[in-house]
C-alpha cells in the first residue's frame, strides 16, 4: 500500500471509477477532488487492486473514500479499511441500508450536504416560494442585453477577467474564497472535462457558469461567477443554464455550503428538492 498527493495525472485512473459508482454527491467528481485537493489534503492510496482517496472533511476529520466499490459497498472490504482508517466518507443515502447501526456509528454534518434541484424548477422558478427569483430574473431581462457563448479556449481569457473582477469586488481575500480553484478550473477546463457558458452583458464580460455531468441524469455546477453591477445576474445564470440543459439532465447539484451562512441562505432560498446527505461511518466501539 502506498499513497501520493492527488494530482492532474490521476484523472486517468480515477475518472472512470468515480463515474461507475454513479452517485450524485460532488465528491464523486474528479474535477472537484482535483480543484480542492489542497483544501482537503486529498491523497490517492494504491491498495492492491483497489484505489482509495483519503482527505479531511471541512471540520478536519480524516476519512477514506474507497473507489473499488460499484453499486453497493463491500462490507468485508470496508471492515478491513476501518482497521486502518477511522471513518468512511462520504456515504450516500442509498448505501445506508448496508450498515447495521448495531455495528456502525452513522452521523452526518449539515455543512457537508449538497443542494440538489430539479432542472425544471430552475428553468421555471415556478411556485409562490420562488416569486422573488422570478422578479429578479424579470428585472435582469428588462434592464440588460446579453449574449451567451460556450466556454472554450477562444474566450477563456474573458472568463478569467470575470473571475478576477469578481474577486476584486469580494471583501474576502483570494485565499479565503474559491478564487484559486476557480482559476485552475478555467485553465484546465478541457482536460477536466468541464462545460459552461460565458455571458457578455451590455457589451461587457459579466458572468460565467462552469460544471459537468456527474451522473447520467445530474449536472454539478462547480462555479458560477457574476458581477454585482448586473442585478439579478445569478437568478439569470441559473435559469439560463437550466433551460439549456433541460431534456438532457433531470437535476442540478449546487454542491455544499461549507458551513458559510451566506451560502446556506442563498442556496436554501431556491428550495432544494433534495439534500445530498454525506454520512460518516465509523466502527461502533464497545463500551
Protein backbone atom coordinates (compact mmCIF):
# COMPACT_ATOMS: atom_id res chain seq x y z
CA UNK A 1 0.00 0.00 0.00
CA UNK A 2 1.34 3.44 -0.88
CA UNK A 3 -0.12 6.93 -1.16
CA UNK A 4 0.65 10.11 -3.10
CA UNK A 5 -0.88 13.59 -3.27
CA UNK A 6 -3.77 13.72 -5.74
CA UNK A 7 -2.79 15.48 -8.95
CA UNK A 8 -3.98 16.02 -12.51
CA UNK A 9 -2.40 12.85 -13.88
CA UNK A 10 -4.60 10.77 -11.57
CA UNK A 11 -7.58 11.51 -13.82
CA UNK A 12 -6.62 8.50 -15.92
CA UNK A 13 -7.21 6.09 -13.04
CA UNK A 14 -9.92 7.93 -11.07
CA UNK A 15 -12.39 9.41 -13.54
CA UNK A 16 -13.99 6.17 -14.73
CA UNK A 17 -14.04 4.69 -11.23
CA UNK A 18 -15.92 7.71 -9.92
CA UNK A 19 -18.41 7.63 -12.78
CA UNK A 20 -19.00 3.88 -12.38
CA UNK A 21 -20.22 4.40 -8.81
CA UNK A 22 -22.89 6.76 -10.23
CA UNK A 23 -23.62 8.83 -7.14
CA UNK A 24 -24.81 12.46 -7.33
CA UNK A 25 -22.59 13.69 -4.47
CA UNK A 26 -19.99 16.26 -5.50
CA UNK A 27 -17.01 14.33 -4.11
CA UNK A 28 -17.59 11.72 -6.82
CA UNK A 29 -16.27 14.18 -9.41
CA UNK A 30 -12.59 14.07 -10.30
CA UNK A 31 -12.65 17.80 -11.06
CA UNK A 32 -13.99 18.54 -7.58
CA UNK A 33 -11.32 16.37 -5.94
CA UNK A 34 -8.54 17.90 -8.01
CA UNK A 35 -9.58 21.54 -7.66
CA UNK A 36 -9.94 21.29 -3.87
CA UNK A 37 -7.07 18.86 -3.29
CA UNK A 38 -5.11 21.37 -1.21
CA UNK A 39 -8.11 22.43 0.89
CA UNK A 40 -8.87 18.83 1.87
CA UNK A 41 -5.40 17.30 1.64
CA UNK A 42 -6.55 14.63 -0.80
CA UNK A 43 -4.23 11.68 -1.42
CA UNK A 44 -4.55 8.66 -3.69
CA UNK A 45 -3.88 5.35 -1.95
CA UNK A 46 -2.98 2.29 -4.03
CA UNK A 47 -4.04 -0.84 -2.18
CA UNK A 48 -3.57 -3.88 -4.40
CA UNK A 49 -6.35 -3.83 -6.99
CA UNK A 50 -8.19 -1.10 -5.08
CA UNK A 51 -7.72 2.64 -5.00
CA UNK A 52 -8.83 4.90 -2.16
CA UNK A 53 -8.97 8.64 -1.64
CA UNK A 54 -8.02 9.97 1.78
CA UNK A 55 -8.51 13.51 2.99
CA UNK A 56 -10.00 15.77 5.62
CA UNK A 57 -13.59 16.97 5.92
CA UNK A 58 -14.35 20.65 6.35
CA UNK A 59 -14.14 20.19 10.12
CA UNK A 60 -10.76 18.43 9.80
CA UNK A 61 -11.88 14.84 10.31
CA UNK A 62 -9.66 12.32 8.49
CA UNK A 63 -11.54 9.97 6.17
CA UNK A 64 -11.11 7.37 3.45
CA UNK A 65 -13.29 7.05 0.34
CA UNK A 66 -12.99 3.57 -1.24
CA UNK A 67 -13.18 3.54 -5.04
CA UNK A 68 -13.22 -0.20 -5.66
CA UNK A 69 -16.93 -0.23 -4.80
CA UNK A 70 -19.56 -0.08 -7.52
CA UNK A 71 -23.30 0.00 -6.94
CA UNK A 72 -23.06 -1.27 -3.39
CA UNK A 73 -20.36 -1.37 -0.71
CA UNK A 74 -18.27 -4.44 0.01
CA UNK A 75 -18.66 -4.67 3.78
CA UNK A 76 -15.78 -7.09 4.19
CA UNK A 77 -13.50 -4.64 2.42
CA UNK A 78 -14.87 -1.71 4.42
CA UNK A 79 -14.26 -3.61 7.64
CA UNK A 80 -10.63 -4.01 6.59
CA UNK A 81 -10.39 -0.29 5.81
CA UNK A 82 -11.70 0.58 9.26
CA UNK A 83 -8.73 -1.31 10.71
CA UNK A 84 -6.53 1.44 9.22
CA UNK A 85 -8.83 4.46 8.94
CA UNK A 86 -11.27 5.80 11.49
CA UNK A 87 -14.00 6.91 9.10
CA UNK A 88 -15.55 6.14 5.69
CA UNK A 89 -16.85 9.28 3.96
CA UNK A 90 -18.94 10.30 2.10
CA UNK A 91 -21.56 7.56 2.28
CA UNK A 92 -24.79 8.27 0.39
CA UNK A 93 -28.38 7.57 1.42
CA UNK A 94 -28.52 4.62 -0.94
CA UNK A 95 -25.73 2.80 0.97
CA UNK A 96 -27.08 3.28 4.49
CA UNK A 97 -29.11 0.07 4.45
CA UNK A 98 -25.89 -1.94 4.30
CA UNK A 99 -24.63 -0.58 7.63
CA UNK A 100 -26.17 -2.11 10.73
CA UNK A 101 -26.38 0.58 13.44
CA UNK A 102 -25.52 -2.12 15.95
CA UNK A 103 -22.07 -2.35 14.36
CA UNK A 104 -21.50 1.15 12.98
CA UNK A 105 -21.83 4.73 14.19
CA UNK A 106 -23.59 6.71 11.46
CA UNK A 107 -23.52 10.52 11.52
CA UNK A 108 -23.63 13.45 9.16
CA UNK A 109 -22.57 17.09 9.34
CA UNK A 110 -25.08 19.51 7.83
CA UNK A 111 -22.23 21.57 6.36
CA UNK A 112 -21.29 18.67 4.05
CA UNK A 113 -24.68 18.26 2.35
CA UNK A 114 -25.16 19.07 -1.34
CA UNK A 115 -28.09 21.17 -2.54
CA UNK A 116 -29.82 19.38 -5.41
CA UNK A 117 -32.61 20.88 -7.52
CA UNK A 118 -34.68 19.65 -10.42
CA UNK A 119 -33.70 21.21 -13.72
CA UNK A 120 -37.38 22.00 -14.30
CA UNK A 121 -37.56 24.07 -11.10
CA UNK A 122 -34.51 26.15 -12.01
CA UNK A 123 -35.72 26.57 -15.60
CA UNK A 124 -39.12 27.95 -14.50
CA UNK A 125 -38.84 29.30 -10.93
CA UNK A 126 -42.46 28.27 -10.62
CA UNK A 127 -44.43 28.48 -7.39
CA UNK A 128 -45.02 31.02 -4.64
CA UNK A 129 -41.75 30.33 -2.84
CA UNK A 130 -39.67 31.35 -5.87
CA UNK A 131 -41.56 34.53 -6.73
CA UNK A 132 -38.59 36.69 -5.69
CA UNK A 133 -36.36 34.74 -8.09
CA UNK A 134 -38.83 35.31 -10.92
CA UNK A 135 -38.93 39.05 -10.11
CA UNK A 136 -35.13 39.34 -10.11
CA UNK A 137 -34.95 37.40 -13.37
CA UNK A 138 -37.52 39.76 -14.89
CA UNK A 139 -35.57 42.81 -13.69
CA UNK A 140 -32.40 41.43 -15.25
CA UNK A 141 -34.08 40.71 -18.59
CA UNK A 142 -35.75 44.13 -18.64
CA UNK A 143 -32.55 46.02 -17.81
CA UNK A 144 -29.81 44.19 -19.70
CA UNK A 145 -28.90 42.76 -23.07
CA UNK A 146 -26.72 39.66 -23.18
CA UNK A 147 -25.10 37.15 -25.45
CA UNK A 148 -24.26 33.58 -24.43
CA UNK A 149 -21.11 31.82 -25.59
CA UNK A 150 -20.00 28.27 -24.94
CA UNK A 151 -16.81 28.45 -22.88
CA UNK A 152 -13.76 27.36 -24.88
CA UNK A 153 -10.10 28.21 -25.43
CA UNK A 154 -11.05 31.20 -27.58
CA UNK A 155 -12.90 33.07 -24.83
CA UNK A 156 -11.33 31.64 -21.68
CA UNK A 157 -9.39 34.86 -21.07
CA UNK A 158 -12.66 36.77 -20.95
CA UNK A 159 -13.98 34.36 -18.32
CA UNK A 160 -10.77 34.84 -16.35
CA UNK A 161 -11.42 38.59 -16.46
CA UNK A 162 -14.90 37.98 -14.99
CA UNK A 163 -13.36 35.86 -12.23
CA UNK A 164 -10.69 38.46 -11.47
CA UNK A 165 -13.26 41.27 -11.35
CA UNK A 166 -15.50 39.12 -9.13
CA UNK A 167 -12.62 38.63 -6.69
CA UNK A 168 -11.78 42.36 -6.76
CA UNK A 169 -15.31 43.23 -5.61
CA UNK A 170 -15.39 40.47 -2.99
CA UNK A 171 -14.47 41.64 0.54
CA UNK A 172 -12.61 38.43 1.40
CA UNK A 173 -9.04 37.75 0.36
CA UNK A 174 -8.48 35.33 -2.52
CA UNK A 175 -7.06 32.78 -0.08
CA UNK A 176 -10.43 32.74 1.71
CA UNK A 177 -12.60 32.33 -1.40
CA UNK A 178 -12.63 29.71 -4.15
CA UNK A 179 -10.76 32.08 -6.50
CA UNK A 180 -7.70 29.86 -6.98
CA UNK A 181 -9.78 26.72 -7.53
CA UNK A 182 -11.98 28.59 -10.00
CA UNK A 183 -8.91 29.85 -11.87
CA UNK A 184 -7.49 26.33 -12.13
CA UNK A 185 -10.86 25.10 -13.37
CA UNK A 186 -10.80 27.61 -16.23
CA UNK A 187 -7.17 26.95 -17.08
CA UNK A 188 -7.70 23.16 -17.12
CA UNK A 189 -11.28 23.14 -18.34
CA UNK A 190 -10.67 20.85 -21.31
CA UNK A 191 -8.63 18.19 -19.53
CA UNK A 192 -11.04 18.18 -16.57
CA UNK A 193 -13.98 17.68 -18.91
CA UNK A 194 -15.84 20.79 -17.78
CA UNK A 195 -18.54 22.62 -19.72
CA UNK A 196 -20.03 26.05 -19.30
CA UNK A 197 -21.28 29.34 -20.66
CA UNK A 198 -19.80 32.84 -20.76
CA UNK A 199 -22.20 35.80 -20.69
CA UNK A 200 -21.40 39.15 -22.25
CA UNK A 201 -23.80 41.59 -20.60
CA UNK A 202 -24.33 45.08 -22.02
CA UNK A 203 -21.21 44.51 -24.15
CA UNK A 204 -19.09 43.75 -21.05
CA UNK A 205 -17.78 40.48 -19.59
CA UNK A 206 -20.42 39.85 -16.94
CA UNK A 207 -20.72 36.25 -15.80
CA UNK A 208 -19.98 32.59 -16.40
CA UNK A 209 -21.05 29.13 -15.22
CA UNK A 210 -18.89 26.00 -15.26
CA UNK A 211 -19.66 22.41 -14.36
CA UNK A 212 -20.01 18.85 -15.65
CA UNK A 213 -22.29 15.85 -15.69
CA UNK A 214 -21.61 13.77 -12.59
CA UNK A 215 -24.12 11.03 -13.42
CA UNK A 216 -26.27 10.36 -16.47
CA UNK A 217 -29.08 12.49 -15.04
CA UNK A 218 -27.25 15.09 -12.91
CA UNK A 219 -25.18 18.17 -13.78
CA UNK A 220 -22.99 19.51 -10.99
CA UNK A 221 -22.39 23.26 -11.02
CA UNK A 222 -18.85 23.82 -9.77
CA UNK A 223 -18.62 27.59 -10.31
CA UNK A 224 -20.98 30.47 -11.05
CA UNK A 225 -19.46 33.95 -11.08
CA UNK A 226 -21.33 37.17 -11.83
CA UNK A 227 -20.65 40.84 -11.24
CA UNK A 228 -22.82 42.83 -8.84
CA UNK A 229 -23.46 45.69 -11.25
CA UNK A 230 -25.90 43.38 -13.05
CA UNK A 231 -28.79 43.00 -10.62
CA UNK A 232 -30.37 39.55 -10.86
CA UNK A 233 -27.37 38.04 -12.64
CA UNK A 234 -27.29 34.87 -10.52
CA UNK A 235 -31.00 34.22 -10.92
CA UNK A 236 -30.50 34.73 -14.64
CA UNK A 237 -27.46 32.42 -14.89
CA UNK A 238 -29.06 29.53 -13.04
CA UNK A 239 -32.25 29.87 -15.06
CA UNK A 240 -30.45 30.12 -18.38
CA UNK A 241 -28.19 27.14 -17.63
CA UNK A 242 -31.21 25.05 -16.63
CA UNK A 243 -33.03 25.92 -19.83
CA UNK A 244 -30.00 24.96 -21.91
CA UNK A 245 -29.55 21.55 -20.26
CA UNK A 246 -33.26 20.76 -19.87
CA UNK A 247 -34.12 17.47 -21.53
CA UNK A 248 -30.58 16.13 -21.04
CA UNK A 249 -30.40 16.17 -17.23
CA UNK A 250 -33.02 15.95 -14.51
CA UNK A 251 -31.05 17.51 -11.63
CA UNK A 252 -28.53 20.25 -10.90
CA UNK A 253 -26.23 19.82 -7.90
CA UNK A 254 -25.12 23.17 -6.42
CA UNK A 255 -22.68 21.44 -4.03
CA UNK A 256 -22.39 22.19 -0.30
CA UNK A 257 -22.46 25.44 1.65
CA UNK A 258 -19.27 24.74 3.64
CA UNK A 259 -20.99 25.95 6.80
CA UNK A 260 -20.96 29.54 5.49
CA UNK A 261 -24.18 31.27 6.49
CA UNK A 262 -24.27 33.43 3.35
CA UNK A 263 -24.01 30.38 1.09
CA UNK A 264 -26.52 28.43 3.16
CA UNK A 265 -29.04 31.23 2.94
CA UNK A 266 -28.53 31.70 -0.79
CA UNK A 267 -28.76 28.01 -1.70
CA UNK A 268 -31.68 27.35 0.65
CA UNK A 269 -33.62 30.22 -0.91
CA UNK A 270 -34.00 28.19 -4.13
CA UNK A 271 -35.81 25.46 -2.14
CA UNK A 272 -33.74 22.35 -2.91
CA UNK A 273 -35.68 19.28 -3.97
CA UNK A 274 -33.17 17.02 -2.25
CA UNK A 275 -30.30 17.44 0.16
CA UNK A 276 -27.46 15.15 -0.81
CA UNK A 277 -26.56 13.88 2.65
CA UNK A 278 -22.98 12.68 3.17
CA UNK A 279 -22.81 10.22 6.01
CA UNK A 280 -19.79 9.43 8.13
CA UNK A 281 -19.39 5.76 9.00
CA UNK A 282 -17.28 4.63 11.93
CA UNK A 283 -16.96 1.28 13.59
CA UNK A 284 -19.04 1.19 16.78
CA UNK A 285 -16.81 0.79 19.78
CA UNK A 286 -17.80 -1.44 22.68
CA UNK A 287 -18.28 0.34 25.99
